[in-house]
Amino acid sequence: MRILIWIGALLPIVYALLRFSVEFHPQWMRDFLLLLEPYLHMTLTKMPTDPLKFLTDLSGKSAFWLLALTLIYTPVRVFLKLNLIRYRRLSGLFSFFYALIHALLFIGIDQEFHISGAVHEVLTKPFIAFGMGAFVILLLMALTSSKKMFGLFHSWHKLVYIAAVLIVVHYLMSHKTITWDNIAMAGVLISLLVLRLIKR
């Protein structure tokens, strides 16, 4: 199971490398990727037209789905009697890893490390404020995720409920138009939160 989590968590990096190195692929690889595109419903043979947006979206969605994976372990244990809790920390750390990349793209690339500009964006754009709030919570959880620290700060990890809600709001507000795909994606996280609350 640990290997599967590692493979799944590293797939977004492989995908990004494929997209940014597409101009250097030999013809046989280009043809092979072209065959895969209809089945994967992903673009594999073109460079991103907007690299920053591509990486921001990819890192954000990766953090989103890995957080969803982190939240699913408790319902699986309660409703399916399958204990996978020992893998929760690994999934959570990978979720934080992509959230960190997501935040650094905003602060480092978009804002060019102008802290005052980044603060202004947070204060004037609610969807960025929600995202930054979720990131701070994930940061606290990552810093206190070791066995020793988790024992001392166990109650802090209940903030994941707030982080998940903030992420859903951040995700929906970041889109100019809300589609059924957006709603379905947000619904997954909300459903997992509800399942965790039911077991209490």
C-alpha atoms as a PDB file:
ATOM      1  CA  MET A   1       0.000   0.000   0.000  1.00  0.00           C
ATOM      2  CA  ARG A   2       2.845   2.376   0.826  1.00  0.00           C
ATOM      3  CA  ILE A   3       4.344   1.829  -2.621  1.00  0.00           C
ATOM      4  CA  LEU A   4       0.982   2.581  -4.266  1.00  0.00           C
ATOM      5  CA  ILE A   5       0.725   5.860  -2.351  1.00  0.00           C
ATOM      6  CA  TRP A   6       4.233   6.836  -3.429  1.00  0.00           C
ATOM      7  CA  ILE A   7       3.500   5.993  -7.064  1.00  0.00           C
ATOM      8  CA  GLY A   8       0.185   7.864  -7.042  1.00  0.00           C
ATOM      9  CA  ALA A   9       1.682  10.885  -5.293  1.00  0.00           C
ATOM     10  CA  LEU A  10       4.578  11.119  -7.743  1.00  0.00           C
ATOM     11  CA  LEU A  11       2.419  10.803 -10.882  1.00  0.00           C
ATOM     12  CA  PRO A  12       1.720  14.582 -11.040  1.00  0.00           C
ATOM     13  CA  ILE A  13       5.476  15.213 -11.146  1.00  0.00           C
ATOM     14  CA  VAL A  14       5.882  12.661 -13.946  1.00  0.00           C
ATOM     15  CA  TYR A  15       3.000  14.306 -15.817  1.00  0.00           C
ATOM     16  CA  ALA A  16       4.588  17.757 -15.444  1.00  0.00           C
ATOM     17  CA  LEU A  17       7.939  16.440 -16.668  1.00  0.00           C
ATOM     18  CA  LEU A  18       6.222  14.866 -19.688  1.00  0.00           C
ATOM     19  CA  ARG A  19       4.500  18.133 -20.596  1.00  0.00           C
ATOM     20  CA  PHE A  20       7.588  20.313 -20.224  1.00  0.00           C
ATOM     21  CA  SER A  21       9.897  17.932 -22.085  1.00  0.00           C
ATOM     22  CA  VAL A  22       7.491  17.122 -24.914  1.00  0.00           C
ATOM     23  CA  GLU A  23       9.602  18.969 -27.507  1.00  0.00           C
ATOM     24  CA  PHE A  24      12.504  16.622 -26.822  1.00  0.00           C
ATOM     25  CA  HIS A  25      10.570  13.349 -27.052  1.00  0.00           C
ATOM     26  CA  PRO A  26      11.531  10.939 -29.838  1.00  0.00           C
ATOM     27  CA  GLN A  27       8.833  10.317 -32.437  1.00  0.00           C
ATOM     28  CA  TRP A  28       7.968   6.840 -31.108  1.00  0.00           C
ATOM     29  CA  MET A  29       7.232   8.284 -27.654  1.00  0.00           C
ATOM     30  CA  ARG A  30       5.161  11.106 -29.142  1.00  0.00           C
ATOM     31  CA  ASP A  31       3.113   8.566 -31.110  1.00  0.00           C
ATOM     32  CA  PHE A  32       2.650   6.404 -28.014  1.00  0.00           C
ATOM     33  CA  LEU A  33       1.493   9.362 -25.889  1.00  0.00           C
ATOM     34  CA  LEU A  34      -0.858  10.419 -28.669  1.00  0.00           C
ATOM     35  CA  LEU A  35      -2.482   6.981 -28.494  1.00  0.00           C
ATOM     36  CA  LEU A  36      -2.932   7.313 -24.723  1.00  0.00           C
ATOM     37  CA  GLU A  37      -4.504  10.773 -24.764  1.00  0.00           C
ATOM     38  CA  PRO A  38      -8.112   9.713 -25.609  1.00  0.00           C
ATOM     39  CA  TYR A  39      -8.116   7.101 -22.842  1.00  0.00           C
ATOM     40  CA  LEU A  40      -6.517   9.262 -20.150  1.00  0.00           C
ATOM     41  CA  HIS A  41      -8.415  12.412 -21.168  1.00  0.00           C
ATOM     42  CA  MET A  42      -5.200  14.365 -20.660  1.00  0.00           C
ATOM     43  CA  THR A  43      -2.967  16.376 -22.953  1.00  0.00           C
ATOM     44  CA  LEU A  44       0.391  14.603 -23.177  1.00  0.00           C
ATOM     45  CA  THR A  45       1.889  15.873 -26.417  1.00  0.00           C
ATOM     46  CA  LYS A  46       1.776  19.656 -26.047  1.00  0.00           C
ATOM     47  CA  MET A  47       3.724  22.107 -23.919  1.00  0.00           C
ATOM     48  CA  PRO A  48       1.509  24.073 -21.483  1.00  0.00           C
ATOM     49  CA  THR A  49       0.535  27.398 -23.059  1.00  0.00           C
ATOM     50  CA  ASP A  50       0.550  29.005 -19.592  1.00  0.00           C
ATOM     51  CA  PRO A  51       3.195  27.174 -17.504  1.00  0.00           C
ATOM     52  CA  LEU A  52       2.397  29.005 -14.250  1.00  0.00           C
ATOM     53  CA  LYS A  53      -1.329  28.274 -14.484  1.00  0.00           C
ATOM     54  CA  PHE A  54      -0.598  24.664 -15.433  1.00  0.00           C
ATOM     55  CA  LEU A  55       1.681  24.102 -12.428  1.00  0.00           C
ATOM     56  CA  THR A  56      -0.623  25.989 -10.076  1.00  0.00           C
ATOM     57  CA  ASP A  57      -3.638  23.933 -11.130  1.00  0.00           C
ATOM     58  CA  LEU A  58      -1.695  20.663 -11.055  1.00  0.00           C
ATOM     59  CA  SER A  59      -0.210  21.245  -7.605  1.00  0.00           C
ATOM     60  CA  GLY A  60      -3.534  22.471  -6.212  1.00  0.00           C
ATOM     61  CA  LYS A  61      -5.517  19.488  -7.504  1.00  0.00           C
ATOM     62  CA  SER A  62      -2.803  17.084  -6.353  1.00  0.00           C
ATOM     63  CA  ALA A  63      -2.952  18.530  -2.836  1.00  0.00           C
ATOM     64  CA  PHE A  64      -6.752  18.328  -2.984  1.00  0.00           C
ATOM     65  CA  TRP A  65      -6.915  14.645  -3.956  1.00  0.00           C
ATOM     66  CA  LEU A  66      -4.172  13.593  -1.555  1.00  0.00           C
ATOM     67  CA  LEU A  67      -6.027  15.339   1.260  1.00  0.00           C
ATOM     68  CA  ALA A  68      -9.154  13.442   0.191  1.00  0.00           C
ATOM     69  CA  LEU A  69      -7.131  10.213   0.400  1.00  0.00           C
ATOM     70  CA  THR A  70      -5.974  11.220   3.882  1.00  0.00           C
ATOM     71  CA  LEU A  71      -9.574  11.746   4.982  1.00  0.00           C
ATOM     72  CA  ILE A  72     -10.834   8.437   3.591  1.00  0.00           C
ATOM     73  CA  TYR A  73      -8.891   6.156   5.950  1.00  0.00           C
ATOM     74  CA  THR A  74     -11.141   6.715   8.966  1.00  0.00           C
ATOM     75  CA  PRO A  75     -14.458   6.002   7.130  1.00  0.00           C
ATOM     76  CA  VAL A  76     -12.845   2.912   5.561  1.00  0.00           C
ATOM     77  CA  ARG A  77     -11.868   1.663   9.006  1.00  0.00           C
ATOM     78  CA  VAL A  78     -15.284   2.385  10.511  1.00  0.00           C
ATOM     79  CA  PHE A  79     -17.578   1.234   7.705  1.00  0.00           C
ATOM     80  CA  LEU A  80     -15.473  -1.418   5.962  1.00  0.00           C
ATOM     81  CA  LYS A  81     -13.492  -2.633   8.999  1.00  0.00           C
ATOM     82  CA  LEU A  82     -10.261  -2.177   7.056  1.00  0.00           C
ATOM     83  CA  ASN A  83      -7.536  -0.470   9.068  1.00  0.00           C
ATOM     84  CA  LEU A  84      -5.264   1.626   6.841  1.00  0.00           C
ATOM     85  CA  ILE A  85      -4.725   4.421   9.362  1.00  0.00           C
ATOM     86  CA  ARG A  86      -0.965   3.832   9.398  1.00  0.00           C
ATOM     87  CA  TYR A  87      -0.802   5.263   5.880  1.00  0.00           C
ATOM     88  CA  ARG A  88      -2.609   8.487   6.788  1.00  0.00           C
ATOM     89  CA  ARG A  89       0.544  10.394   7.744  1.00  0.00           C
ATOM     90  CA  LEU A  90       2.257   9.581   4.426  1.00  0.00           C
ATOM     91  CA  SER A  91      -0.763  10.748   2.407  1.00  0.00           C
ATOM     92  CA  GLY A  92      -1.065  13.866   4.543  1.00  0.00           C
ATOM     93  CA  LEU A  93       2.589  14.787   4.062  1.00  0.00           C
ATOM     94  CA  PHE A  94       2.282  14.382   0.306  1.00  0.00           C
ATOM     95  CA  SER A  95      -0.813  16.591   0.380  1.00  0.00           C
ATOM     96  CA  PHE A  96       1.175  19.231   2.268  1.00  0.00           C
ATOM     97  CA  PHE A  97       4.074  18.849  -0.206  1.00  0.00           C
ATOM     98  CA  TYR A  98       1.848  19.815  -3.130  1.00  0.00           C
ATOM     99  CA  ALA A  99       0.136  22.537  -1.080  1.00  0.00           C
ATOM    100  CA  LEU A 100       3.609  23.952  -0.377  1.00  0.00           C
ATOM    101  CA  ILE A 101       4.442  23.948  -4.102  1.00  0.00           C
ATOM    102  CA  HIS A 102       1.065  25.601  -4.756  1.00  0.00           C
ATOM    103  CA  ALA A 103       1.812  28.345  -2.215  1.00  0.00           C
ATOM    104  CA  LEU A 104       5.393  28.854  -3.423  1.00  0.00           C
ATOM    105  CA  LEU A 105       4.206  29.275  -7.008  1.00  0.00           C
ATOM    106  CA  PHE A 106       1.940  32.068  -5.805  1.00  0.00           C
ATOM    107  CA  ILE A 107       4.505  33.762  -3.540  1.00  0.00           C
ATOM    108  CA  GLY A 108       7.660  33.062  -5.535  1.00  0.00           C
ATOM    109  CA  ILE A 109       6.574  33.188  -9.170  1.00  0.00           C
ATOM    110  CA  ASP A 110       3.316  35.136  -9.266  1.00  0.00           C
ATOM    111  CA  GLN A 111       4.353  37.679  -6.616  1.00  0.00           C
ATOM    112  CA  GLU A 112       8.136  37.367  -7.166  1.00  0.00           C
ATOM    113  CA  PHE A 113       8.680  37.078  -3.396  1.00  0.00           C
ATOM    114  CA  HIS A 114       7.235  40.549  -2.785  1.00  0.00           C
ATOM    115  CA  ILE A 115       5.792  39.822   0.636  1.00  0.00           C
ATOM    116  CA  SER A 116       3.854  43.075   0.801  1.00  0.00           C
ATOM    117  CA  GLY A 117       2.253  42.288  -2.553  1.00  0.00           C
ATOM    118  CA  ALA A 118       1.389  38.761  -1.439  1.00  0.00           C
ATOM    119  CA  VAL A 119      -0.161  40.085   1.785  1.00  0.00           C
ATOM    120  CA  HIS A 120      -2.167  42.606  -0.227  1.00  0.00           C
ATOM    121  CA  GLU A 121      -3.485  39.812  -2.462  1.00  0.00           C
ATOM    122  CA  VAL A 122      -4.468  37.750   0.581  1.00  0.00           C
ATOM    123  CA  LEU A 123      -6.276  40.712   2.152  1.00  0.00           C
ATOM    124  CA  THR A 124      -8.101  41.814  -0.995  1.00  0.00           C
ATOM    125  CA  LYS A 125      -8.938  38.481  -2.651  1.00  0.00           C
ATOM    126  CA  PRO A 126     -11.038  36.200  -0.433  1.00  0.00           C
ATOM    127  CA  PHE A 127     -10.306  33.020  -2.400  1.00  0.00           C
ATOM    128  CA  ILE A 128      -6.566  33.512  -1.807  1.00  0.00           C
ATOM    129  CA  ALA A 129      -7.230  34.186   1.887  1.00  0.00           C
ATOM    130  CA  PHE A 130      -9.178  30.913   2.169  1.00  0.00           C
ATOM    131  CA  GLY A 131      -6.385  29.026   0.428  1.00  0.00           C
ATOM    132  CA  MET A 132      -3.693  30.572   2.606  1.00  0.00           C
ATOM    133  CA  GLY A 133      -5.694  29.762   5.727  1.00  0.00           C
ATOM    134  CA  ALA A 134      -5.903  26.114   4.661  1.00  0.00           C
ATOM    135  CA  PHE A 135      -2.172  26.089   3.910  1.00  0.00           C
ATOM    136  CA  VAL A 136      -1.305  27.366   7.404  1.00  0.00           C
ATOM    137  CA  ILE A 137      -3.403  24.580   8.946  1.00  0.00           C
ATOM    138  CA  LEU A 138      -1.741  21.949   6.748  1.00  0.00           C
ATOM    139  CA  LEU A 139       1.654  23.392   7.720  1.00  0.00           C
ATOM    140  CA  LEU A 140       0.841  23.044  11.428  1.00  0.00           C
ATOM    141  CA  MET A 141      -0.336  19.487  10.876  1.00  0.00           C
ATOM    142  CA  ALA A 142       2.800  18.568   8.911  1.00  0.00           C
ATOM    143  CA  LEU A 143       5.080  20.021  11.605  1.00  0.00           C
ATOM    144  CA  THR A 144       3.302  18.029  14.308  1.00  0.00           C
ATOM    145  CA  SER A 145       2.850  14.764  12.389  1.00  0.00           C
ATOM    146  CA  SER A 146       5.693  12.770  13.970  1.00  0.00           C
ATOM    147  CA  LYS A 147       4.681  10.220  16.623  1.00  0.00           C
ATOM    148  CA  LYS A 148       6.053  12.304  19.484  1.00  0.00           C
ATOM    149  CA  MET A 149       4.629  15.612  18.263  1.00  0.00           C
ATOM    150  CA  PHE A 150       1.288  14.049  17.303  1.00  0.00           C
ATOM    151  CA  GLY A 151       0.866  12.832  20.863  1.00  0.00           C
ATOM    152  CA  LEU A 152       1.376  16.367  22.160  1.00  0.00           C
ATOM    153  CA  PHE A 153      -0.689  18.164  19.513  1.00  0.00           C
ATOM    154  CA  HIS A 154      -3.330  15.553  18.684  1.00  0.00           C
ATOM    155  CA  SER A 155      -6.175  18.046  19.123  1.00  0.00           C
ATOM    156  CA  TRP A 156      -4.613  20.390  16.547  1.00  0.00           C
ATOM    157  CA  HIS A 157      -5.176  17.786  13.853  1.00  0.00           C
ATOM    158  CA  LYS A 158      -8.920  18.217  14.203  1.00  0.00           C
ATOM    159  CA  LEU A 159      -8.358  21.477  12.317  1.00  0.00           C
ATOM    160  CA  VAL A 160      -8.287  19.320   9.177  1.00  0.00           C
ATOM    161  CA  TYR A 161     -12.085  19.767   9.073  1.00  0.00           C
ATOM    162  CA  ILE A 162     -11.665  23.530   8.831  1.00  0.00           C
ATOM    163  CA  ALA A 163      -8.840  23.150   6.304  1.00  0.00           C
ATOM    164  CA  ALA A 164     -10.994  20.939   4.078  1.00  0.00           C
ATOM    165  CA  VAL A 165     -13.858  23.452   4.104  1.00  0.00           C
ATOM    166  CA  LEU A 166     -11.445  26.303   3.329  1.00  0.00           C
ATOM    167  CA  ILE A 167      -9.977  24.296   0.454  1.00  0.00           C
ATOM    168  CA  VAL A 168     -13.406  23.608  -1.025  1.00  0.00           C
ATOM    169  CA  VAL A 169     -14.306  27.317  -0.866  1.00  0.00           C
ATOM    170  CA  HIS A 170     -10.895  28.287  -2.265  1.00  0.00           C
ATOM    171  CA  TYR A 171     -11.282  25.810  -5.123  1.00  0.00           C
ATOM    172  CA  LEU A 172     -14.796  26.899  -6.077  1.00  0.00           C
ATOM    173  CA  MET A 173     -14.027  30.623  -5.811  1.00  0.00           C
ATOM    174  CA  SER A 174     -10.886  30.279  -7.936  1.00  0.00           C
ATOM    175  CA  HIS A 175     -13.033  29.378 -10.958  1.00  0.00           C
ATOM    176  CA  LYS A 176     -14.856  32.117 -12.845  1.00  0.00           C
ATOM    177  CA  THR A 177     -17.690  29.728 -13.624  1.00  0.00           C
ATOM    178  CA  ILE A 178     -18.814  26.778 -11.533  1.00  0.00           C
ATOM    179  CA  THR A 179     -19.268  23.576 -13.532  1.00  0.00           C
ATOM    180  CA  TRP A 180     -20.676  20.210 -12.518  1.00  0.00           C
ATOM    181  CA  ASP A 181     -17.112  18.884 -12.494  1.00  0.00           C
ATOM    182  CA  ASN A 182     -16.140  21.543  -9.948  1.00  0.00           C
ATOM    183  CA  ILE A 183     -19.159  20.746  -7.802  1.00  0.00           C
ATOM    184  CA  ALA A 184     -18.487  16.994  -7.992  1.00  0.00           C
ATOM    185  CA  MET A 185     -14.845  17.486  -7.004  1.00  0.00           C
ATOM    186  CA  ALA A 186     -15.803  19.663  -4.041  1.00  0.00           C
ATOM    187  CA  GLY A 187     -18.556  17.214  -3.129  1.00  0.00           C
ATOM    188  CA  VAL A 188     -16.025  14.416  -2.676  1.00  0.00           C
ATOM    189  CA  LEU A 189     -14.228  16.314   0.074  1.00  0.00           C
ATOM    190  CA  ILE A 190     -17.458  17.400   1.758  1.00  0.00           C
ATOM    191  CA  SER A 191     -18.792  13.827   1.642  1.00  0.00           C
ATOM    192  CA  LEU A 192     -15.644  12.519   3.317  1.00  0.00           C
ATOM    193  CA  LEU A 193     -15.984  15.130   6.055  1.00  0.00           C
ATOM    194  CA  VAL A 194     -19.614  14.120   6.618  1.00  0.00           C
ATOM    195  CA  LEU A 195     -18.620  10.438   6.833  1.00  0.00           C
ATOM    196  CA  ARG A 196     -15.961  11.269   9.411  1.00  0.00           C
ATOM    197  CA  LEU A 197     -18.473  13.250  11.458  1.00  0.00           C
ATOM    198  CA  ILE A 198     -21.068  10.466  11.262  1.00  0.00           C
ATOM    199  CA  LYS A 199     -18.672   7.987  12.846  1.00  0.00           C
ATOM    200  CA  ARG A 200     -18.442  10.291  15.838  1.00  0.00           C
END
